Amino acid sequence: WSGAQPALIDGERDGLIGLGGGVVQRIRLQTRIRFGDIWALYGAPDDTLMVRLISSRSSAFQIAHYDSISAQAISTFRCPVDPASFWNATVTIGMGDIWTTEALNGVRFNIYHETGWWNPLRSCRGRTGQ
């Protein structure tokens, strides 16, 4: 970054760009935006993928898809997660396809439109049996 990026972009952390056939397939920008702010602005995600980190069974990240803005809000948290950590987790904004490793290691986690969604989220396990 040149240092002239908007204050919401975390210029101290690297972003990612993925190319396929010379065309940008995906992009990720690290931000200082909290997941709670995304939720307040856009509501519950339309679709969510939970990815447990292979290197640490005590952490996970979610890829929350928002169809209205054609983007993902990606946030990482420890498991079990507490409310403050969940809502205050900073978000990486993703656009385009998700990474292959995320698709292979992720589990659909569409719980946010259900009542009582906090309990399965807290354990980072989704519905019973996931």
C-alpha atoms as a PDB file:
ATOM      1  CA  TRP A   1       0.000   0.000   0.000  1.00  0.00           C
ATOM      2  CA  SER A   2       1.025   3.572  -0.533  1.00  0.00           C
ATOM      3  CA  GLY A   3      -0.219   4.633   2.888  1.00  0.00           C
ATOM      4  CA  ALA A   4      -3.127   6.472   1.265  1.00  0.00           C
ATOM      5  CA  GLN A   5      -5.592   3.571   1.581  1.00  0.00           C
ATOM      6  CA  PRO A   6      -8.835   4.155   3.548  1.00  0.00           C
ATOM      7  CA  ALA A   7      -8.450   3.818   7.325  1.00  0.00           C
ATOM      8  CA  LEU A   8     -10.673   0.709   7.324  1.00  0.00           C
ATOM      9  CA  ILE A   9      -8.096  -1.190   5.236  1.00  0.00           C
ATOM     10  CA  ASP A  10      -5.371  -2.759   7.377  1.00  0.00           C
ATOM     11  CA  GLY A  11      -2.299  -1.748   5.374  1.00  0.00           C
ATOM     12  CA  GLU A  12       0.012  -3.551   7.812  1.00  0.00           C
ATOM     13  CA  ARG A  13      -1.319  -6.972   6.787  1.00  0.00           C
ATOM     14  CA  ASP A  14      -0.980  -8.593   3.394  1.00  0.00           C
ATOM     15  CA  GLY A  15      -3.937  -9.085   1.105  1.00  0.00           C
ATOM     16  CA  LEU A  16      -4.255 -11.969  -1.332  1.00  0.00           C
ATOM     17  CA  ILE A  17      -5.018 -12.209  -5.008  1.00  0.00           C
ATOM     18  CA  GLY A  18      -5.631 -15.411  -6.955  1.00  0.00           C
ATOM     19  CA  LEU A  19      -5.219 -15.667 -10.709  1.00  0.00           C
ATOM     20  CA  GLY A  20      -6.445 -18.288 -13.144  1.00  0.00           C
ATOM     21  CA  GLY A  21      -5.621 -18.097 -16.825  1.00  0.00           C
ATOM     22  CA  GLY A  22      -4.386 -14.546 -16.375  1.00  0.00           C
ATOM     23  CA  VAL A  23      -7.716 -13.446 -14.864  1.00  0.00           C
ATOM     24  CA  VAL A  24      -8.295 -12.442 -11.240  1.00  0.00           C
ATOM     25  CA  GLN A  25     -10.408 -15.212  -9.673  1.00  0.00           C
ATOM     26  CA  ARG A  26     -10.389 -14.032  -6.057  1.00  0.00           C
ATOM     27  CA  ILE A  27      -9.134 -11.187  -3.915  1.00  0.00           C
ATOM     28  CA  ARG A  28      -8.851 -10.701  -0.158  1.00  0.00           C
ATOM     29  CA  LEU A  29      -8.349  -7.426   1.716  1.00  0.00           C
ATOM     30  CA  GLN A  30      -7.523  -7.290   5.417  1.00  0.00           C
ATOM     31  CA  THR A  31      -9.641  -4.704   7.219  1.00  0.00           C
ATOM     32  CA  ARG A  32     -10.153  -3.178  10.639  1.00  0.00           C
ATOM     33  CA  ILE A  33     -13.919  -3.751  10.362  1.00  0.00           C
ATOM     34  CA  ARG A  34     -15.477  -5.927  13.077  1.00  0.00           C
ATOM     35  CA  PHE A  35     -17.829  -8.784  12.210  1.00  0.00           C
ATOM     36  CA  GLY A  36     -20.471  -7.224  14.464  1.00  0.00           C
ATOM     37  CA  ASP A  37     -20.400  -4.106  12.277  1.00  0.00           C
ATOM     38  CA  ILE A  38     -20.885  -6.210   9.137  1.00  0.00           C
ATOM     39  CA  TRP A  39     -23.838  -7.979  10.804  1.00  0.00           C
ATOM     40  CA  ALA A  40     -25.362  -4.656  11.891  1.00  0.00           C
ATOM     41  CA  LEU A  41     -25.122  -3.328   8.340  1.00  0.00           C
ATOM     42  CA  TYR A  42     -26.041  -6.417   6.270  1.00  0.00           C
ATOM     43  CA  GLY A  43     -27.735  -8.780   8.745  1.00  0.00           C
ATOM     44  CA  ALA A  44     -27.159 -12.514   8.992  1.00  0.00           C
ATOM     45  CA  PRO A  45     -25.058 -13.993   6.178  1.00  0.00           C
ATOM     46  CA  ASP A  46     -26.824 -15.711   3.270  1.00  0.00           C
ATOM     47  CA  ASP A  47     -24.483 -18.699   3.433  1.00  0.00           C
ATOM     48  CA  THR A  48     -21.583 -19.616   5.712  1.00  0.00           C
ATOM     49  CA  LEU A  49     -18.659 -22.019   5.584  1.00  0.00           C
ATOM     50  CA  MET A  50     -16.841 -22.966   8.810  1.00  0.00           C
ATOM     51  CA  VAL A  51     -13.204 -23.984   8.404  1.00  0.00           C
ATOM     52  CA  ARG A  52     -11.427 -25.566  11.367  1.00  0.00           C
ATOM     53  CA  LEU A  53      -7.718 -24.807  11.303  1.00  0.00           C
ATOM     54  CA  ILE A  54      -5.664 -27.966  10.828  1.00  0.00           C
ATOM     55  CA  SER A  55      -2.733 -26.458  12.715  1.00  0.00           C
ATOM     56  CA  SER A  56      -4.896 -25.598  15.734  1.00  0.00           C
ATOM     57  CA  ARG A  57      -8.028 -27.503  16.727  1.00  0.00           C
ATOM     58  CA  SER A  58      -8.844 -24.630  19.078  1.00  0.00           C
ATOM     59  CA  SER A  59      -9.379 -22.116  16.258  1.00  0.00           C
ATOM     60  CA  ALA A  60     -11.674 -21.755  13.282  1.00  0.00           C
ATOM     61  CA  PHE A  61     -12.653 -19.198  10.719  1.00  0.00           C
ATOM     62  CA  GLN A  62     -15.927 -18.565   9.009  1.00  0.00           C
ATOM     63  CA  ILE A  63     -16.531 -17.411   5.477  1.00  0.00           C
ATOM     64  CA  ALA A  64     -19.828 -15.541   5.638  1.00  0.00           C
ATOM     65  CA  HIS A  65     -21.295 -14.931   2.178  1.00  0.00           C
ATOM     66  CA  TYR A  66     -23.373 -11.828   1.515  1.00  0.00           C
ATOM     67  CA  ASP A  67     -25.144 -12.124  -1.825  1.00  0.00           C
ATOM     68  CA  SER A  68     -26.323  -8.489  -1.783  1.00  0.00           C
ATOM     69  CA  ILE A  69     -22.742  -7.215  -2.020  1.00  0.00           C
ATOM     70  CA  SER A  70     -21.208 -10.227  -3.833  1.00  0.00           C
ATOM     71  CA  ALA A  71     -18.575 -10.553  -1.116  1.00  0.00           C
ATOM     72  CA  GLN A  72     -17.529 -12.614   1.877  1.00  0.00           C
ATOM     73  CA  ALA A  73     -16.775 -11.464   5.408  1.00  0.00           C
ATOM     74  CA  ILE A  74     -14.083 -13.777   6.774  1.00  0.00           C
ATOM     75  CA  SER A  75     -13.325 -13.804  10.489  1.00  0.00           C
ATOM     76  CA  THR A  76     -11.192 -16.010  12.737  1.00  0.00           C
ATOM     77  CA  PHE A  77     -11.897 -16.937  16.352  1.00  0.00           C
ATOM     78  CA  ARG A  78     -10.887 -19.377  19.072  1.00  0.00           C
ATOM     79  CA  CYS A  79     -13.099 -22.345  19.913  1.00  0.00           C
ATOM     80  CA  PRO A  80     -15.110 -22.317  22.012  1.00  0.00           C
ATOM     81  CA  VAL A  81     -15.891 -18.746  21.045  1.00  0.00           C
ATOM     82  CA  ASP A  82     -17.246 -16.120  23.413  1.00  0.00           C
ATOM     83  CA  PRO A  83     -19.596 -13.314  22.299  1.00  0.00           C
ATOM     84  CA  ALA A  84     -17.007 -10.525  22.556  1.00  0.00           C
ATOM     85  CA  SER A  85     -14.475 -12.418  20.419  1.00  0.00           C
ATOM     86  CA  PHE A  86     -17.113 -13.344  17.841  1.00  0.00           C
ATOM     87  CA  TRP A  87     -18.570  -9.858  17.338  1.00  0.00           C
ATOM     88  CA  ASN A  88     -15.217  -8.022  17.621  1.00  0.00           C
ATOM     89  CA  ALA A  89     -13.233 -10.288  15.275  1.00  0.00           C
ATOM     90  CA  THR A  90     -11.768  -8.230  12.444  1.00  0.00           C
ATOM     91  CA  VAL A  91     -12.918  -9.135   8.968  1.00  0.00           C
ATOM     92  CA  THR A  92     -11.087  -9.935   5.788  1.00  0.00           C
ATOM     93  CA  ILE A  93     -13.236  -8.972   2.810  1.00  0.00           C
ATOM     94  CA  GLY A  94     -13.212 -11.601   0.086  1.00  0.00           C
ATOM     95  CA  MET A  95     -14.503 -11.355  -3.462  1.00  0.00           C
ATOM     96  CA  GLY A  96     -14.688 -14.112  -6.048  1.00  0.00           C
ATOM     97  CA  ASP A  97     -14.140 -17.832  -5.581  1.00  0.00           C
ATOM     98  CA  ILE A  98     -13.032 -19.263  -2.254  1.00  0.00           C
ATOM     99  CA  TRP A  99      -9.639 -21.000  -2.062  1.00  0.00           C
ATOM    100  CA  THR A 100      -9.594 -24.740  -2.835  1.00  0.00           C
ATOM    101  CA  THR A 101      -8.212 -25.603   0.614  1.00  0.00           C
ATOM    102  CA  GLU A 102     -11.125 -23.775   2.243  1.00  0.00           C
ATOM    103  CA  ALA A 103     -13.636 -25.657   0.101  1.00  0.00           C
ATOM    104  CA  LEU A 104     -12.006 -28.989   0.964  1.00  0.00           C
ATOM    105  CA  ASN A 105     -11.666 -28.318   4.704  1.00  0.00           C
ATOM    106  CA  GLY A 106     -14.850 -26.320   5.236  1.00  0.00           C
ATOM    107  CA  VAL A 107     -18.287 -27.402   6.422  1.00  0.00           C
ATOM    108  CA  ARG A 108     -21.512 -25.624   5.472  1.00  0.00           C
ATOM    109  CA  PHE A 109     -22.562 -23.726   8.569  1.00  0.00           C
ATOM    110  CA  ASN A 110     -25.891 -22.115   7.748  1.00  0.00           C
ATOM    111  CA  ILE A 111     -27.188 -21.668  11.276  1.00  0.00           C
ATOM    112  CA  TYR A 112     -27.689 -17.932  11.560  1.00  0.00           C
ATOM    113  CA  HIS A 113     -31.307 -17.930  10.398  1.00  0.00           C
ATOM    114  CA  GLU A 114     -32.249 -20.547  13.021  1.00  0.00           C
ATOM    115  CA  THR A 115     -33.325 -19.806  16.575  1.00  0.00           C
ATOM    116  CA  GLY A 116     -30.731 -20.740  19.182  1.00  0.00           C
ATOM    117  CA  TRP A 117     -27.823 -20.453  16.739  1.00  0.00           C
ATOM    118  CA  TRP A 118     -25.346 -19.380  19.411  1.00  0.00           C
ATOM    119  CA  ASN A 119     -24.967 -22.840  21.025  1.00  0.00           C
ATOM    120  CA  PRO A 120     -23.686 -24.668  17.921  1.00  0.00           C
ATOM    121  CA  LEU A 121     -21.547 -21.676  16.990  1.00  0.00           C
ATOM    122  CA  ARG A 122     -19.950 -21.448  20.435  1.00  0.00           C
ATOM    123  CA  SER A 123     -18.441 -24.915  20.038  1.00  0.00           C
ATOM    124  CA  CYS A 124     -17.498 -24.277  16.372  1.00  0.00           C
ATOM    125  CA  ARG A 125     -19.260 -27.491  15.430  1.00  0.00           C
ATOM    126  CA  GLY A 126     -22.429 -26.424  13.668  1.00  0.00           C
ATOM    127  CA  ARG A 127     -25.437 -28.640  14.105  1.00  0.00           C
ATOM    128  CA  THR A 128     -25.243 -31.829  16.134  1.00  0.00           C
ATOM    129  CA  GLY A 129     -23.032 -34.338  14.386  1.00  0.00           C
ATOM    130  CA  GLN A 130     -20.938 -31.869  12.380  1.00  0.00           C
END
